[in-house]
Amino acid sequence: MYQLEEPTYFYLLAIIPLLVVLFLISFFIKKQRQKKFAGNILFKKLSPNTSSFKSVLKLIILSLSITFLVLALVNPKMGIKLKTIKREGVDIVFALDVSKSMLAEDIAPNRLEKAKQIISKIIDKLGSDRVGIIVYAGNSYPLLPITTDLAAAKMFLQNANPDMVSSQGTAINEAIERSLTFYDNAEQTNKFLVILSDGEDHENQSESLAKKAATQGIKIFTIGIGTATGKPIPMRINGIFTGYKKDGKGDVVISKRHADVLQKIAKEGNGNYIDGNVTNKPVKFMENIIVNAQKHKYETKQFSDYKDQFQWFIAIGILFLIFDSLLFDKKTQWLKQIDLFNESK
């Protein structure tokens, strides 16, 4: 495993595009002056060893040298020693509805983005707890297995979208069924499943599965997002709005929140239903639940000793600098004879 000590030095890589711009400006000015001095044919006779390719090659080598020296400043560190850490916490799995109906904009910016905001803020409140993410629509998909890496959870969360699930629709039962095999610790006493959805359920098997989950020690909390009046579902191609979703009769579909469905699932799952239209409400509710929950002790392995790797990048960077200093702008004699780059034409 690698760790970056000073990632802010990556900003120095901006020097490379600046060098490219300066090179192009210099090359253009040089060409203009050459035209004023002599035509192309005459100039080649006066200066037969001039090589445009060598100038470009020197720029590439210099850019590579800068890249490796910047990496040396960033100082990637490689983990060389693992240690076992004892922690305690709860397992919380988020089931995120990514069906097309979650794109409705009755809640700004839309239901899906609101759900992501809620999950992200709940994750911010976690300590040594473990988290997993399921996305679902017509079927379910494990976006992130149970992990202690909360930063990774937030990163994976941002990529969740309707295109991740091949079958559209809303089958909450798929998410609940997936969660039954998602928890990898049979001894964990507090296992939470948090479903974020507008409550549209096309399968009608969710309540019985919620009851089954409860018998396995999984408490289900549902967070409803959307309004009772609803809004049309915008359709976009490559980010460009193309109209609203229509049914088989050609009428615009109005997607509404079905709080009653989510309330029944939460009741059967020994949990609670929370209105998710105001972000802080479900965040504070779940924070309180997790803080007061009985924690389970578990062990996890973590790198405790990291070794600096900057010296390798310095060595490679200096080698490129030496190569650049030994490389002349003029044509290499043996290369000139074979005319590898067709510069004689």
Protein backbone atom coordinates (compact mmCIF):
# COMPACT_ATOMS: atom_id res chain seq x y z
CA MET A 1 0.00 0.00 0.00
CA TYR A 2 1.24 3.48 -0.88
CA GLN A 3 0.88 6.78 0.92
CA LEU A 4 1.60 10.26 -0.48
CA GLU A 5 3.41 12.47 2.03
CA GLU A 6 3.08 15.85 0.27
CA PRO A 7 0.45 15.61 -2.53
CA THR A 8 0.23 19.43 -2.81
CA TYR A 9 3.48 19.35 -4.82
CA PHE A 10 1.51 17.86 -7.72
CA TYR A 11 0.57 21.47 -8.56
CA LEU A 12 4.17 21.92 -9.77
CA LEU A 13 3.29 19.72 -12.75
CA ALA A 14 1.65 22.85 -14.17
CA ILE A 15 5.20 23.82 -15.21
CA ILE A 16 5.05 21.22 -18.00
CA PRO A 17 2.15 22.72 -20.03
CA LEU A 18 3.78 26.12 -19.48
CA LEU A 19 7.02 24.79 -20.99
CA VAL A 20 5.09 23.38 -23.96
CA VAL A 21 3.44 26.75 -24.59
CA LEU A 22 6.79 28.57 -24.34
CA PHE A 23 8.36 26.01 -26.70
CA LEU A 24 5.61 26.48 -29.30
CA ILE A 25 5.89 30.28 -29.08
CA SER A 26 9.69 30.07 -29.40
CA PHE A 27 9.41 27.62 -32.30
CA PHE A 28 6.94 29.90 -34.12
CA ILE A 29 9.11 33.00 -33.65
CA LYS A 30 12.21 31.10 -34.81
CA LYS A 31 10.42 29.92 -37.96
CA GLN A 32 9.26 33.44 -38.75
CA ARG A 33 12.80 34.78 -38.43
CA GLN A 34 14.14 31.96 -40.59
CA LYS A 35 11.65 32.84 -43.34
CA LYS A 36 12.82 36.45 -43.28
CA PHE A 37 16.45 35.35 -43.43
CA ALA A 38 16.14 32.68 -46.14
CA GLY A 39 13.69 30.29 -47.78
CA ASN A 40 13.36 26.66 -46.60
CA ILE A 41 15.57 25.21 -49.34
CA LEU A 42 18.32 27.79 -48.84
CA PHE A 43 18.14 27.54 -45.05
CA LYS A 44 18.59 23.74 -45.20
CA LYS A 45 21.71 24.26 -47.29
CA LEU A 46 23.07 26.89 -44.89
CA SER A 47 22.21 24.85 -41.77
CA PRO A 48 21.91 21.19 -42.81
CA ASN A 49 22.28 19.78 -39.28
CA THR A 50 19.31 21.58 -37.72
CA SER A 51 16.78 19.07 -36.33
CA SER A 52 13.24 19.95 -35.25
CA PHE A 53 12.77 16.43 -33.95
CA LYS A 54 15.71 16.74 -31.52
CA SER A 55 14.17 19.93 -30.07
CA VAL A 56 10.88 18.12 -29.45
CA LEU A 57 12.74 15.14 -27.98
CA LYS A 58 14.62 17.43 -25.56
CA LEU A 59 11.30 18.96 -24.46
CA ILE A 60 9.84 15.49 -23.80
CA ILE A 61 12.91 14.43 -21.79
CA LEU A 62 12.86 17.66 -19.77
CA SER A 63 9.14 17.15 -19.05
CA LEU A 64 9.80 13.59 -17.86
CA SER A 65 12.60 14.86 -15.64
CA ILE A 66 10.32 17.46 -14.05
CA THR A 67 7.60 14.83 -13.56
CA PHE A 68 9.92 12.48 -11.65
CA LEU A 69 11.41 15.29 -9.57
CA VAL A 70 7.89 16.43 -8.60
CA LEU A 71 7.07 12.83 -7.63
CA ALA A 72 10.19 12.88 -5.45
CA LEU A 73 8.86 15.98 -3.68
CA VAL A 74 5.47 14.28 -3.21
CA ASN A 75 7.39 11.36 -1.68
CA PRO A 76 5.30 8.22 -2.19
CA LYS A 77 5.74 5.87 0.76
CA MET A 78 5.31 2.11 0.56
CA GLY A 79 3.81 0.22 3.49
CA ILE A 80 6.24 -2.45 4.68
CA LYS A 81 4.76 -3.58 7.98
CA LEU A 82 1.24 -4.64 8.91
CA LYS A 83 -0.14 -4.44 12.43
CA THR A 84 -3.41 -5.66 13.90
CA ILE A 85 -5.63 -2.93 15.35
CA LYS A 86 -8.55 -3.59 17.66
CA ARG A 87 -11.58 -1.44 16.99
CA GLU A 88 -15.21 -1.33 17.97
CA GLY A 89 -18.20 -0.10 16.05
CA VAL A 90 -21.32 -1.04 14.11
CA ASP A 91 -21.84 -2.22 10.54
CA ILE A 92 -23.97 0.14 8.48
CA VAL A 93 -24.94 -0.58 4.87
CA PHE A 94 -26.52 2.07 2.67
CA ALA A 95 -28.91 0.93 -0.07
CA LEU A 96 -29.15 3.76 -2.58
CA ASP A 97 -32.00 3.89 -5.09
CA VAL A 98 -30.50 4.86 -8.47
CA SER A 99 -33.64 4.32 -10.56
CA LYS A 100 -34.63 6.97 -13.12
CA SER A 101 -37.33 8.29 -10.77
CA MET A 102 -34.56 9.50 -8.45
CA LEU A 103 -33.62 12.07 -11.11
CA ALA A 104 -36.85 13.99 -10.46
CA GLU A 105 -36.08 17.54 -9.36
CA ASP A 106 -38.81 18.15 -6.78
CA ILE A 107 -35.94 18.20 -4.25
CA ALA A 108 -32.92 20.30 -5.26
CA PRO A 109 -30.75 19.50 -7.09
CA ASN A 110 -32.54 16.15 -7.54
CA ARG A 111 -33.53 13.19 -5.39
CA LEU A 112 -30.41 11.16 -6.16
CA GLU A 113 -27.98 13.98 -5.31
CA LYS A 114 -29.91 14.71 -2.11
CA ALA A 115 -29.59 11.03 -1.13
CA LYS A 116 -25.83 11.15 -1.79
CA GLN A 117 -25.51 14.26 0.39
CA ILE A 118 -27.28 12.50 3.26
CA ILE A 119 -25.09 9.38 3.01
CA SER A 120 -21.92 11.46 2.79
CA LYS A 121 -22.82 13.48 5.90
CA ILE A 122 -23.72 10.33 7.86
CA ILE A 123 -20.35 8.84 6.91
CA ASP A 124 -18.68 12.01 8.24
CA LYS A 125 -20.24 11.25 11.63
CA LEU A 126 -18.87 7.70 11.80
CA GLY A 127 -15.84 6.73 13.86
CA SER A 128 -14.51 3.17 13.92
CA ASP A 129 -17.67 1.86 12.30
CA ARG A 130 -17.69 -0.13 9.09
CA VAL A 131 -19.68 0.90 6.04
CA GLY A 132 -20.88 -0.69 2.81
CA ILE A 133 -22.90 0.59 -0.16
CA ILE A 134 -25.48 -1.13 -2.37
CA VAL A 135 -27.06 0.54 -5.40
CA TYR A 136 -30.30 -0.75 -6.84
CA ALA A 137 -33.04 -0.12 -9.38
CA GLY A 138 -34.60 -3.12 -11.17
CA ASN A 139 -31.81 -5.20 -9.63
CA SER A 140 -29.10 -4.54 -7.04
CA TYR A 141 -25.36 -4.11 -7.32
CA PRO A 142 -22.68 -4.11 -4.55
CA LEU A 143 -20.95 -0.76 -5.02
CA LEU A 144 -18.65 -1.13 -1.99
CA PRO A 145 -18.18 -4.15 0.35
CA ILE A 146 -18.08 -3.65 4.11
CA THR A 147 -14.96 -1.60 4.90
CA THR A 148 -13.39 0.71 7.45
CA ASP A 149 -12.12 2.99 4.66
CA LEU A 150 -14.64 5.82 4.96
CA ALA A 151 -12.80 7.99 2.42
CA ALA A 152 -13.16 5.24 -0.20
CA ALA A 153 -16.86 4.95 0.64
CA LYS A 154 -17.41 8.65 -0.12
CA MET A 155 -15.39 8.39 -3.32
CA PHE A 156 -17.39 5.40 -4.62
CA LEU A 157 -20.61 7.12 -3.60
CA GLN A 158 -20.00 10.08 -5.90
CA ASN A 159 -19.92 7.78 -8.93
CA ALA A 160 -23.34 6.22 -8.24
CA ASN A 161 -25.79 6.87 -11.08
CA PRO A 162 -28.68 5.12 -12.93
CA ASP A 163 -26.32 3.78 -15.62
CA MET A 164 -24.65 1.49 -13.08
CA VAL A 165 -27.67 -0.81 -12.93
CA SER A 166 -28.63 -2.59 -16.15
CA SER A 167 -32.29 -3.18 -15.27
CA GLN A 168 -34.43 -0.14 -14.56
CA GLY A 169 -37.44 -0.04 -12.25
CA THR A 170 -37.51 0.09 -8.45
CA ALA A 171 -37.17 -3.20 -6.59
CA ILE A 172 -36.43 -2.44 -2.94
CA ASN A 173 -36.63 -6.16 -2.23
CA GLU A 174 -33.49 -6.63 -4.37
CA ALA A 175 -31.56 -4.27 -2.06
CA ILE A 176 -32.81 -5.98 1.11
CA GLU A 177 -32.04 -9.45 -0.28
CA ARG A 178 -28.53 -8.31 -1.24
CA SER A 179 -27.96 -6.96 2.27
CA LEU A 180 -28.67 -10.37 3.84
CA THR A 181 -25.32 -11.60 2.49
CA PHE A 182 -23.51 -8.27 2.73
CA TYR A 183 -22.55 -8.37 6.42
CA ASP A 184 -19.41 -10.49 6.83
CA ASN A 185 -19.33 -10.73 10.63
CA ALA A 186 -21.81 -13.18 12.14
CA GLU A 187 -20.92 -12.01 15.67
CA GLN A 188 -21.87 -8.40 14.95
CA THR A 189 -24.88 -7.55 17.11
CA ASN A 190 -25.75 -4.19 15.56
CA LYS A 191 -26.23 -4.34 11.81
CA PHE A 192 -28.01 -1.43 10.17
CA LEU A 193 -29.45 -1.18 6.68
CA VAL A 194 -30.34 2.36 5.57
CA ILE A 195 -32.51 2.52 2.45
CA LEU A 196 -32.66 5.88 0.62
CA SER A 197 -35.47 5.99 -1.92
CA ASP A 198 -38.58 7.78 -3.15
CA GLY A 199 -40.54 4.68 -2.16
CA GLU A 200 -41.61 3.47 -5.58
CA ASP A 201 -41.64 -0.33 -5.34
CA HIS A 202 -42.52 -2.42 -8.39
CA GLU A 203 -42.09 -5.86 -6.79
CA ASN A 204 -44.16 -5.66 -3.55
CA GLN A 205 -42.07 -8.27 -1.73
CA SER A 206 -40.05 -5.85 0.37
CA GLU A 207 -42.05 -6.10 3.60
CA SER A 208 -41.64 -9.87 3.93
CA LEU A 209 -37.91 -9.56 3.20
CA ALA A 210 -37.62 -6.76 5.78
CA LYS A 211 -39.13 -9.10 8.36
CA LYS A 212 -36.64 -11.81 7.35
CA ALA A 213 -33.75 -9.32 7.72
CA ALA A 214 -34.99 -8.41 11.21
CA THR A 215 -34.79 -12.05 12.29
CA GLN A 216 -31.11 -11.99 11.27
CA GLY A 217 -30.41 -8.96 13.47
CA ILE A 218 -30.53 -6.35 10.70
CA LYS A 219 -32.40 -3.17 11.59
CA ILE A 220 -33.81 -1.34 8.58
CA PHE A 221 -34.11 2.42 8.46
CA THR A 222 -35.75 4.05 5.46
CA ILE A 223 -35.17 7.64 4.32
CA GLY A 224 -37.81 9.01 1.97
CA ILE A 225 -36.79 11.60 -0.61
CA GLY A 226 -39.20 13.51 -2.84
CA THR A 227 -42.58 15.19 -2.49
CA ALA A 228 -46.12 13.83 -2.40
CA THR A 229 -47.08 16.00 -5.39
CA GLY A 230 -44.08 14.80 -7.38
CA LYS A 231 -42.37 16.01 -10.52
CA PRO A 232 -41.68 14.71 -14.06
CA ILE A 233 -38.50 12.69 -14.67
CA PRO A 234 -36.07 14.62 -16.91
CA MET A 235 -34.31 12.62 -19.63
CA ARG A 236 -30.81 13.58 -20.77
CA ILE A 237 -28.36 12.36 -23.37
CA ASN A 238 -24.73 13.31 -22.68
CA GLY A 239 -25.99 15.84 -20.15
CA ILE A 240 -28.32 17.55 -22.64
CA PHE A 241 -32.00 17.74 -21.68
CA THR A 242 -34.18 15.93 -24.25
CA GLY A 243 -37.59 16.00 -22.54
CA TYR A 244 -39.51 14.19 -19.82
CA LYS A 245 -40.15 10.48 -19.43
CA LYS A 246 -43.50 9.37 -20.89
CA ASP A 247 -45.63 6.28 -20.43
CA GLY A 248 -46.99 3.98 -23.15
CA LYS A 249 -49.84 6.41 -23.88
CA GLY A 250 -47.45 9.29 -24.46
CA ASP A 251 -48.33 11.08 -21.22
CA VAL A 252 -45.59 12.60 -19.07
CA VAL A 253 -44.87 10.42 -16.02
CA ILE A 254 -45.17 12.20 -12.66
CA SER A 255 -43.00 10.49 -10.04
CA LYS A 256 -44.12 10.89 -6.42
CA ARG A 257 -42.68 9.89 -3.07
CA HIS A 258 -44.47 6.90 -1.50
CA ALA A 259 -43.74 7.39 2.20
CA ASP A 260 -46.27 4.72 3.22
CA VAL A 261 -44.24 2.00 1.45
CA LEU A 262 -41.04 3.04 3.21
CA GLN A 263 -42.83 3.30 6.57
CA LYS A 264 -44.09 -0.29 6.29
CA ILE A 265 -40.64 -1.61 5.37
CA ALA A 266 -39.05 0.21 8.33
CA LYS A 267 -41.72 -1.13 10.69
CA GLU A 268 -41.20 -4.74 9.57
CA GLY A 269 -37.43 -4.22 9.82
CA ASN A 270 -37.56 -3.03 13.46
CA GLY A 271 -36.33 0.39 12.39
CA ASN A 272 -37.71 3.83 11.63
CA TYR A 273 -38.80 5.95 8.70
CA ILE A 274 -37.20 9.41 8.36
CA ASP A 275 -38.14 12.26 6.05
CA GLY A 276 -35.05 12.98 3.95
CA ASN A 277 -36.06 16.22 2.26
CA VAL A 278 -34.12 18.23 4.86
CA THR A 279 -30.57 16.83 4.99
CA ASN A 280 -29.82 17.43 8.68
CA LYS A 281 -32.88 15.54 9.92
CA PRO A 282 -31.85 11.99 8.85
CA VAL A 283 -28.17 12.77 9.52
CA LYS A 284 -28.82 13.70 13.17
CA PHE A 285 -31.27 10.81 13.60
CA MET A 286 -28.80 8.19 12.35
CA GLU A 287 -25.93 9.77 14.29
CA ASN A 288 -27.94 9.39 17.48
CA ILE A 289 -28.83 5.76 16.65
CA ILE A 290 -25.18 4.83 15.93
CA VAL A 291 -23.76 6.66 18.97
CA ASN A 292 -26.14 4.84 21.33
CA ALA A 293 -25.82 1.44 19.66
CA GLN A 294 -23.89 -1.36 21.31
CA LYS A 295 -20.47 -1.55 19.67
CA HIS A 296 -18.86 -4.80 18.56
CA LYS A 297 -15.10 -5.32 18.90
CA TYR A 298 -13.24 -6.51 15.83
CA GLU A 299 -9.72 -6.65 14.48
CA THR A 300 -8.40 -5.06 11.32
CA LYS A 301 -4.95 -4.96 9.74
CA GLN A 302 -3.30 -1.67 8.91
CA PHE A 303 0.11 -0.62 7.63
CA SER A 304 2.07 0.90 10.50
CA ASP A 305 5.47 1.46 8.91
CA TYR A 306 6.09 3.20 5.60
CA LYS A 307 9.36 3.47 3.69
CA ASP A 308 10.29 6.58 1.66
CA GLN A 309 10.54 6.07 -2.11
CA PHE A 310 11.60 9.61 -3.15
CA GLN A 311 15.22 8.60 -3.84
CA TRP A 312 14.22 6.45 -6.83
CA PHE A 313 12.32 9.31 -8.44
CA ILE A 314 15.22 11.74 -7.84
CA ALA A 315 17.64 9.30 -9.49
CA ILE A 316 15.42 8.84 -12.56
CA GLY A 317 14.79 12.62 -12.77
CA ILE A 318 18.53 13.37 -12.65
CA LEU A 319 19.23 10.72 -15.30
CA PHE A 320 16.76 12.42 -17.63
CA LEU A 321 18.42 15.80 -16.90
CA ILE A 322 21.85 14.36 -17.75
CA PHE A 323 20.48 12.82 -20.93
CA ASP A 324 18.90 16.15 -21.84
CA SER A 325 22.19 18.02 -21.32
CA LEU A 326 24.09 15.50 -23.53
CA LEU A 327 21.49 15.70 -26.29
CA PHE A 328 22.30 18.40 -28.86
CA ASP A 329 19.79 20.19 -31.06
CA LYS A 330 21.70 19.20 -34.20
CA LYS A 331 21.14 15.99 -36.11
CA THR A 332 23.05 12.90 -34.97
CA GLN A 333 25.43 11.84 -37.73
CA TRP A 334 24.51 8.15 -37.87
CA LEU A 335 20.82 9.04 -37.60
CA LYS A 336 21.23 11.58 -40.37
CA GLN A 337 22.64 8.90 -42.69
CA ILE A 338 19.69 6.53 -42.31
CA ASP A 339 17.18 9.44 -42.31
CA LEU A 340 14.95 7.62 -39.79
CA PHE A 341 12.56 10.52 -39.36
CA ASN A 342 12.40 11.48 -43.03
CA GLU A 343 13.80 14.93 -42.30
CA SER A 344 15.55 15.27 -45.66
CA LYS A 345 12.24 15.68 -47.49
